[in-house]
Amino acid sequence: MASDWRKVALGVLLLAVSSVVVVGYGLKNGPIPPVAAAAGAIGVVAGTLLLGLSEEGASV
């Protein structure tokens, strides 16, 4: 099956940026601000959803 390359690219980008945000704050040996934690979690969820739905005919 072919996959939608735009969904894959956006999903990978969201996962990468969100992971950098969460890990970056975690390495600073301080608490993660709630806004950054929420944005990182939403980015990971959205990226995973986009990658999961990138195949033709895929549904939730």
PDB file of N, CA and C in Angstrom:
ATOM      1  N   MET A   1       0.822  -1.180   0.000  1.00  0.00           N
ATOM      2  CA  MET A   1       0.000   0.000   0.000  1.00  0.00           C
ATOM      3  C   MET A   1       0.870   1.249   0.000  1.00  0.00           C
ATOM      4  N   ALA A   2       0.429   2.226  -0.688  1.00  0.00           N
ATOM      5  CA  ALA A   2       1.145   3.494  -0.711  1.00  0.00           C
ATOM      6  C   ALA A   2       0.747   4.323   0.494  1.00  0.00           C
ATOM      7  N   SER A   3       1.689   5.119   0.961  1.00  0.00           N
ATOM      8  CA  SER A   3       1.378   5.992   2.088  1.00  0.00           C
ATOM      9  C   SER A   3       1.458   7.445   1.650  1.00  0.00           C
ATOM     10  N   ASP A   4       0.738   8.288   2.346  1.00  0.00           N
ATOM     11  CA  ASP A   4       0.718   9.709   2.054  1.00  0.00           C
ATOM     12  C   ASP A   4       1.995  10.311   2.638  1.00  0.00           C
ATOM     13  N   TRP A   5       2.917  10.721   1.799  1.00  0.00           N
ATOM     14  CA  TRP A   5       4.221  11.184   2.261  1.00  0.00           C
ATOM     15  C   TRP A   5       4.122  12.475   3.064  1.00  0.00           C
ATOM     16  N   ARG A   6       3.089  13.279   2.841  1.00  0.00           N
ATOM     17  CA  ARG A   6       2.933  14.512   3.623  1.00  0.00           C
ATOM     18  C   ARG A   6       2.587  14.199   5.072  1.00  0.00           C
ATOM     19  N   LYS A   7       1.727  13.210   5.293  1.00  0.00           N
ATOM     20  CA  LYS A   7       1.385  12.815   6.653  1.00  0.00           C
ATOM     21  C   LYS A   7       2.595  12.213   7.358  1.00  0.00           C
ATOM     22  N   VAL A   8       3.359  11.421   6.629  1.00  0.00           N
ATOM     23  CA  VAL A   8       4.561  10.818   7.210  1.00  0.00           C
ATOM     24  C   VAL A   8       5.570  11.905   7.579  1.00  0.00           C
ATOM     25  N   ALA A   9       5.806  12.838   6.682  1.00  0.00           N
ATOM     26  CA  ALA A   9       6.777  13.904   6.942  1.00  0.00           C
ATOM     27  C   ALA A   9       6.346  14.770   8.122  1.00  0.00           C
ATOM     28  N   LEU A  10       5.080  15.158   8.172  1.00  0.00           N
ATOM     29  CA  LEU A  10       4.599  15.979   9.272  1.00  0.00           C
ATOM     30  C   LEU A  10       4.620  15.204  10.581  1.00  0.00           C
ATOM     31  N   GLY A  11       4.268  13.922  10.546  1.00  0.00           N
ATOM     32  CA  GLY A  11       4.304  13.098  11.746  1.00  0.00           C
ATOM     33  C   GLY A  11       5.713  12.943  12.299  1.00  0.00           C
ATOM     34  N   VAL A  12       6.674  12.709  11.420  1.00  0.00           N
ATOM     35  CA  VAL A  12       8.069  12.585  11.847  1.00  0.00           C
ATOM     36  C   VAL A  12       8.574  13.906  12.410  1.00  0.00           C
ATOM     37  N   LEU A  13       8.222  15.005  11.762  1.00  0.00           N
ATOM     38  CA  LEU A  13       8.632  16.323  12.239  1.00  0.00           C
ATOM     39  C   LEU A  13       8.048  16.610  13.625  1.00  0.00           C
ATOM     40  N   LEU A  14       6.761  16.341  13.817  1.00  0.00           N
ATOM     41  CA  LEU A  14       6.136  16.547  15.127  1.00  0.00           C
ATOM     42  C   LEU A  14       6.780  15.682  16.203  1.00  0.00           C
ATOM     43  N   LEU A  15       7.042  14.428  15.881  1.00  0.00           N
ATOM     44  CA  LEU A  15       7.674  13.545  16.857  1.00  0.00           C
ATOM     45  C   LEU A  15       9.079  14.022  17.219  1.00  0.00           C
ATOM     46  N   ALA A  16       9.831  14.456  16.225  1.00  0.00           N
ATOM     47  CA  ALA A  16      11.201  14.910  16.475  1.00  0.00           C
ATOM     48  C   ALA A  16      11.223  16.180  17.329  1.00  0.00           C
ATOM     49  N   VAL A  17      10.427  17.166  16.959  1.00  0.00           N
ATOM     50  CA  VAL A  17      10.419  18.433  17.689  1.00  0.00           C
ATOM     51  C   VAL A  17       9.903  18.227  19.111  1.00  0.00           C
ATOM     52  N   SER A  18       8.852  17.466  19.256  1.00  0.00           N
ATOM     53  CA  SER A  18       8.287  17.229  20.587  1.00  0.00           C
ATOM     54  C   SER A  18       9.263  16.469  21.476  1.00  0.00           C
ATOM     55  N   SER A  19       9.945  15.505  20.911  1.00  0.00           N
ATOM     56  CA  SER A  19      10.935  14.750  21.685  1.00  0.00           C
ATOM     57  C   SER A  19      12.083  15.641  22.126  1.00  0.00           C
ATOM     58  N   VAL A  20      12.520  16.526  21.255  1.00  0.00           N
ATOM     59  CA  VAL A  20      13.599  17.445  21.617  1.00  0.00           C
ATOM     60  C   VAL A  20      13.158  18.373  22.734  1.00  0.00           C
ATOM     61  N   VAL A  21      11.926  18.846  22.692  1.00  0.00           N
ATOM     62  CA  VAL A  21      11.415  19.721  23.752  1.00  0.00           C
ATOM     63  C   VAL A  21      11.407  18.999  25.091  1.00  0.00           C
ATOM     64  N   VAL A  22      10.848  17.810  25.128  1.00  0.00           N
ATOM     65  CA  VAL A  22      10.734  17.085  26.386  1.00  0.00           C
ATOM     66  C   VAL A  22      12.107  16.658  26.907  1.00  0.00           C
ATOM     67  N   VAL A  23      12.927  16.084  26.051  1.00  0.00           N
ATOM     68  CA  VAL A  23      14.250  15.626  26.482  1.00  0.00           C
ATOM     69  C   VAL A  23      15.152  16.815  26.828  1.00  0.00           C
ATOM     70  N   GLY A  24      15.036  17.893  26.065  1.00  0.00           N
ATOM     71  CA  GLY A  24      15.849  19.084  26.337  1.00  0.00           C
ATOM     72  C   GLY A  24      15.589  19.652  27.714  1.00  0.00           C
ATOM     73  N   TYR A  25      14.320  19.770  28.074  1.00  0.00           N
ATOM     74  CA  TYR A  25      13.999  20.246  29.421  1.00  0.00           C
ATOM     75  C   TYR A  25      14.405  19.237  30.481  1.00  0.00           C
ATOM     76  N   GLY A  26      14.291  17.971  30.167  1.00  0.00           N
ATOM     77  CA  GLY A  26      14.654  16.944  31.136  1.00  0.00           C
ATOM     78  C   GLY A  26      16.143  16.917  31.448  1.00  0.00           C
ATOM     79  N   LEU A  27      16.974  17.261  30.483  1.00  0.00           N
ATOM     80  CA  LEU A  27      18.424  17.263  30.692  1.00  0.00           C
ATOM     81  C   LEU A  27      18.925  18.489  31.446  1.00  0.00           C
ATOM     82  N   LYS A  28      18.064  19.470  31.617  1.00  0.00           N
ATOM     83  CA  LYS A  28      18.474  20.691  32.326  1.00  0.00           C
ATOM     84  C   LYS A  28      18.436  20.526  33.837  1.00  0.00           C
ATOM     85  N   ASN A  29      18.113  19.326  34.320  1.00  0.00           N
ATOM     86  CA  ASN A  29      18.053  19.024  35.753  1.00  0.00           C
ATOM     87  C   ASN A  29      17.124  19.947  36.516  1.00  0.00           C
ATOM     88  N   GLY A  30      16.072  20.355  35.887  1.00  0.00           N
ATOM     89  CA  GLY A  30      15.071  21.180  36.540  1.00  0.00           C
ATOM     90  C   GLY A  30      13.694  20.689  36.159  1.00  0.00           C
ATOM     91  N   PRO A  31      12.691  21.257  36.766  1.00  0.00           N
ATOM     92  CA  PRO A  31      11.334  20.827  36.426  1.00  0.00           C
ATOM     93  C   PRO A  31      10.934  21.295  35.024  1.00  0.00           C
ATOM     94  N   ILE A  32      10.152  20.492  34.366  1.00  0.00           N
ATOM     95  CA  ILE A  32       9.651  20.838  33.044  1.00  0.00           C
ATOM     96  C   ILE A  32       8.434  21.740  33.234  1.00  0.00           C
ATOM     97  N   PRO A  33       8.420  22.910  32.601  1.00  0.00           N
ATOM     98  CA  PRO A  33       7.235  23.763  32.714  1.00  0.00           C
ATOM     99  C   PRO A  33       5.996  23.036  32.180  1.00  0.00           C
ATOM    100  N   PRO A  34       4.869  23.222  32.838  1.00  0.00           N
ATOM    101  CA  PRO A  34       3.655  22.515  32.416  1.00  0.00           C
ATOM    102  C   PRO A  34       3.268  22.783  30.961  1.00  0.00           C
ATOM    103  N   VAL A  35       3.496  23.991  30.493  1.00  0.00           N
ATOM    104  CA  VAL A  35       3.148  24.313  29.101  1.00  0.00           C
ATOM    105  C   VAL A  35       4.022  23.517  28.135  1.00  0.00           C
ATOM    106  N   ALA A  36       5.309  23.411  28.431  1.00  0.00           N
ATOM    107  CA  ALA A  36       6.214  22.653  27.566  1.00  0.00           C
ATOM    108  C   ALA A  36       5.889  21.166  27.613  1.00  0.00           C
ATOM    109  N   ALA A  37       5.556  20.670  28.785  1.00  0.00           N
ATOM    110  CA  ALA A  37       5.199  19.251  28.905  1.00  0.00           C
ATOM    111  C   ALA A  37       3.922  18.946  28.134  1.00  0.00           C
ATOM    112  N   ALA A  38       2.949  19.830  28.239  1.00  0.00           N
ATOM    113  CA  ALA A  38       1.690  19.623  27.514  1.00  0.00           C
ATOM    114  C   ALA A  38       1.901  19.698  26.011  1.00  0.00           C
ATOM    115  N   ALA A  39       2.672  20.690  25.567  1.00  0.00           N
ATOM    116  CA  ALA A  39       2.939  20.823  24.134  1.00  0.00           C
ATOM    117  C   ALA A  39       3.710  19.616  23.608  1.00  0.00           C
ATOM    118  N   GLY A  40       4.670  19.135  24.368  1.00  0.00           N
ATOM    119  CA  GLY A  40       5.430  17.956  23.954  1.00  0.00           C
ATOM    120  C   GLY A  40       4.566  16.714  23.872  1.00  0.00           C
ATOM    121  N   ALA A  41       3.695  16.527  24.858  1.00  0.00           N
ATOM    122  CA  ALA A  41       2.822  15.356  24.855  1.00  0.00           C
ATOM    123  C   ALA A  41       1.826  15.412  23.697  1.00  0.00           C
ATOM    124  N   ILE A  42       1.252  16.576  23.460  1.00  0.00           N
ATOM    125  CA  ILE A  42       0.309  16.713  22.340  1.00  0.00           C
ATOM    126  C   ILE A  42       1.026  16.502  21.009  1.00  0.00           C
ATOM    127  N   GLY A  43       2.253  16.999  20.882  1.00  0.00           N
ATOM    128  CA  GLY A  43       3.020  16.791  19.654  1.00  0.00           C
ATOM    129  C   GLY A  43       3.332  15.330  19.397  1.00  0.00           C
ATOM    130  N   VAL A  44       3.678  14.605  20.456  1.00  0.00           N
ATOM    131  CA  VAL A  44       3.965  13.172  20.304  1.00  0.00           C
ATOM    132  C   VAL A  44       2.704  12.416  19.890  1.00  0.00           C
ATOM    133  N   VAL A  45       1.583  12.745  20.515  1.00  0.00           N
ATOM    134  CA  VAL A  45       0.325  12.071  20.181  1.00  0.00           C
ATOM    135  C   VAL A  45      -0.092  12.383  18.748  1.00  0.00           C
ATOM    136  N   ALA A  46      -0.005  13.657  18.356  1.00  0.00           N
ATOM    137  CA  ALA A  46      -0.402  14.046  16.996  1.00  0.00           C
ATOM    138  C   ALA A  46       0.518  13.412  15.954  1.00  0.00           C
ATOM    139  N   GLY A  47       1.819  13.387  16.218  1.00  0.00           N
ATOM    140  CA  GLY A  47       2.752  12.767  15.282  1.00  0.00           C
ATOM    141  C   GLY A  47       2.514  11.282  15.122  1.00  0.00           C
ATOM    142  N   THR A  48       2.246  10.604  16.238  1.00  0.00           N
ATOM    143  CA  THR A  48       1.957   9.176  16.185  1.00  0.00           C
ATOM    144  C   THR A  48       0.667   8.909  15.423  1.00  0.00           C
ATOM    145  N   LEU A  49      -0.347   9.730  15.652  1.00  0.00           N
ATOM    146  CA  LEU A  49      -1.619   9.566  14.946  1.00  0.00           C
ATOM    147  C   LEU A  49      -1.448   9.784  13.445  1.00  0.00           C
ATOM    148  N   LEU A  50      -0.690  10.804  13.067  1.00  0.00           N
ATOM    149  CA  LEU A  50      -0.457  11.052  11.639  1.00  0.00           C
ATOM    150  C   LEU A  50       0.284   9.891  10.980  1.00  0.00           C
ATOM    151  N   LEU A  51       1.290   9.356  11.666  1.00  0.00           N
ATOM    152  CA  LEU A  51       2.016   8.216  11.100  1.00  0.00           C
ATOM    153  C   LEU A  51       1.123   6.989  11.002  1.00  0.00           C
ATOM    154  N   GLY A  52       0.274   6.790  11.981  1.00  0.00           N
ATOM    155  CA  GLY A  52      -0.619   5.638  11.956  1.00  0.00           C
ATOM    156  C   GLY A  52      -1.678   5.723  10.875  1.00  0.00           C
ATOM    157  N   LEU A  53      -2.067   6.936  10.527  1.00  0.00           N
ATOM    158  CA  LEU A  53      -3.105   7.121   9.512  1.00  0.00           C
ATOM    159  C   LEU A  53      -2.544   7.442   8.128  1.00  0.00           C
ATOM    160  N   SER A  54      -1.254   7.273   7.949  1.00  0.00           N
ATOM    161  CA  SER A  54      -0.640   7.643   6.677  1.00  0.00           C
ATOM    162  C   SER A  54      -0.900   6.634   5.563  1.00  0.00           C
ATOM    163  N   GLU A  55      -1.252   5.411   5.917  1.00  0.00           N
ATOM    164  CA  GLU A  55      -1.556   4.403   4.906  1.00  0.00           C
ATOM    165  C   GLU A  55      -2.915   4.653   4.278  1.00  0.00           C
ATOM    166  N   GLU A  56      -3.052   4.322   3.020  1.00  0.00           N
ATOM    167  CA  GLU A  56      -4.337   4.461   2.345  1.00  0.00           C
ATOM    168  C   GLU A  56      -5.345   3.497   2.960  1.00  0.00           C
ATOM    169  N   GLY A  57      -6.522   3.996   3.225  1.00  0.00           N
ATOM    170  CA  GLY A  57      -7.585   3.160   3.758  1.00  0.00           C
ATOM    171  C   GLY A  57      -7.490   2.894   5.243  1.00  0.00           C
ATOM    172  N   ALA A  58      -6.525   3.487   5.916  1.00  0.00           N
ATOM    173  CA  ALA A  58      -6.395   3.275   7.364  1.00  0.00           C
ATOM    174  C   ALA A  58      -7.457   4.099   8.080  1.00  0.00           C
ATOM    175  N   SER A  59      -7.984   3.520   9.149  1.00  0.00           N
ATOM    176  CA  SER A  59      -8.959   4.252   9.953  1.00  0.00           C
ATOM    177  C   SER A  59      -8.684   4.003  11.413  1.00  0.00           C
ATOM    178  N   VAL A  60      -9.259   4.828  12.236  1.00  0.00           N
ATOM    179  CA  VAL A  60      -9.053   4.700  13.672  1.00  0.00           C
ATOM    180  C   VAL A  60     -10.087   3.762  14.242  1.00  0.00           C
TER     181      VAL A  60
END
